[in-house]
Amino acid sequence: MQIYNKIMQGFWLVFSILVAIYISYKGFTEGFSKWVGYYFIPAMALAVWAVRRWMMKRMEKHQEFLRQQQEGK
């Protein structure tokens, strides 16, 4: 499961970067007034990446805590 989580975390980061680049390109070529509203998509993808990263670190700390509890018994 940890490999899947790392792959998905990387996917959301790469997706947000690529979409931001694409929207910026379209903004320069067709005008930002038309494309500025689409910047919420990479912002949301970046938020998903940040939440996944935070939850992974939280899960790892909790698993370590459980291991220490198990060793203490």
Protein backbone atom coordinates (compact mmCIF):
# COMPACT_ATOMS: atom_id res chain seq x y z
CA MET A 1 0.00 0.00 0.00
CA GLN A 2 2.90 2.34 0.68
CA ILE A 3 4.13 2.06 -2.92
CA TYR A 4 0.65 2.91 -4.22
CA ASN A 5 0.49 5.96 -1.95
CA LYS A 6 3.87 7.22 -3.18
CA ILE A 7 2.87 6.71 -6.81
CA MET A 8 -0.39 8.60 -6.31
CA GLN A 9 1.37 11.37 -4.43
CA GLY A 10 3.77 11.78 -7.36
CA PHE A 11 0.89 11.65 -9.83
CA TRP A 12 -0.93 14.56 -8.18
CA LEU A 13 2.23 16.67 -8.05
CA VAL A 14 3.10 16.03 -11.71
CA PHE A 15 -0.54 16.55 -12.75
CA SER A 16 -0.74 19.91 -11.00
CA ILE A 17 2.50 21.10 -12.59
CA LEU A 18 1.57 19.98 -16.10
CA VAL A 19 -1.92 21.47 -15.93
CA ALA A 20 -0.53 24.76 -14.61
CA ILE A 21 1.95 24.88 -17.49
CA TYR A 22 -0.78 24.10 -20.02
CA ILE A 23 -3.13 26.76 -18.62
CA SER A 24 -0.31 29.31 -18.61
CA TYR A 25 0.50 28.48 -22.24
CA LYS A 26 -3.14 28.85 -23.25
CA GLY A 27 -3.30 32.08 -21.26
CA PHE A 28 -0.38 33.56 -23.14
CA THR A 29 -1.68 32.45 -26.54
CA GLU A 30 -5.42 33.15 -26.13
CA GLY A 31 -5.51 35.68 -23.32
CA PHE A 32 -5.59 35.24 -19.57
CA SER A 33 -9.08 36.65 -19.20
CA LYS A 34 -10.40 33.41 -20.72
CA TRP A 35 -8.11 30.96 -18.88
CA VAL A 36 -7.54 32.47 -15.44
CA GLY A 37 -10.57 30.66 -14.02
CA TYR A 38 -9.01 27.29 -14.76
CA TYR A 39 -6.16 27.80 -12.31
CA PHE A 40 -8.34 26.25 -9.60
CA ILE A 41 -7.67 22.81 -11.17
CA PRO A 42 -3.90 22.74 -10.47
CA ALA A 43 -4.57 24.41 -7.12
CA MET A 44 -6.94 21.60 -6.15
CA ALA A 45 -4.49 18.96 -7.42
CA LEU A 46 -1.74 20.57 -5.35
CA ALA A 47 -4.05 20.54 -2.33
CA VAL A 48 -4.71 16.82 -2.85
CA TRP A 49 -0.94 16.24 -3.04
CA ALA A 50 -0.38 18.17 0.19
CA VAL A 51 -3.13 16.32 2.04
CA ARG A 52 -1.84 12.94 0.85
CA ARG A 53 1.69 13.86 1.96
CA TRP A 54 0.48 15.03 5.36
CA MET A 55 -1.62 11.89 5.85
CA MET A 56 1.26 9.61 4.83
CA LYS A 57 3.57 11.21 7.38
CA ARG A 58 0.84 11.00 10.00
CA MET A 59 0.25 7.32 9.21
CA GLU A 60 3.97 6.52 9.42
CA LYS A 61 4.21 8.19 12.83
CA HIS A 62 1.16 6.30 14.04
CA GLN A 63 2.55 2.97 12.82
CA GLU A 64 5.82 3.68 14.63
CA PHE A 65 3.85 4.51 17.79
CA LEU A 66 1.95 1.22 17.51
CA ARG A 67 5.23 -0.69 17.03
CA GLN A 68 6.64 0.90 20.15
CA GLN A 69 3.48 0.05 22.07
CA GLN A 70 3.72 -3.56 20.89
CA GLU A 71 7.39 -3.83 21.89
CA GLY A 72 6.65 -2.38 25.31
CA LYS A 73 4.17 -5.13 26.20
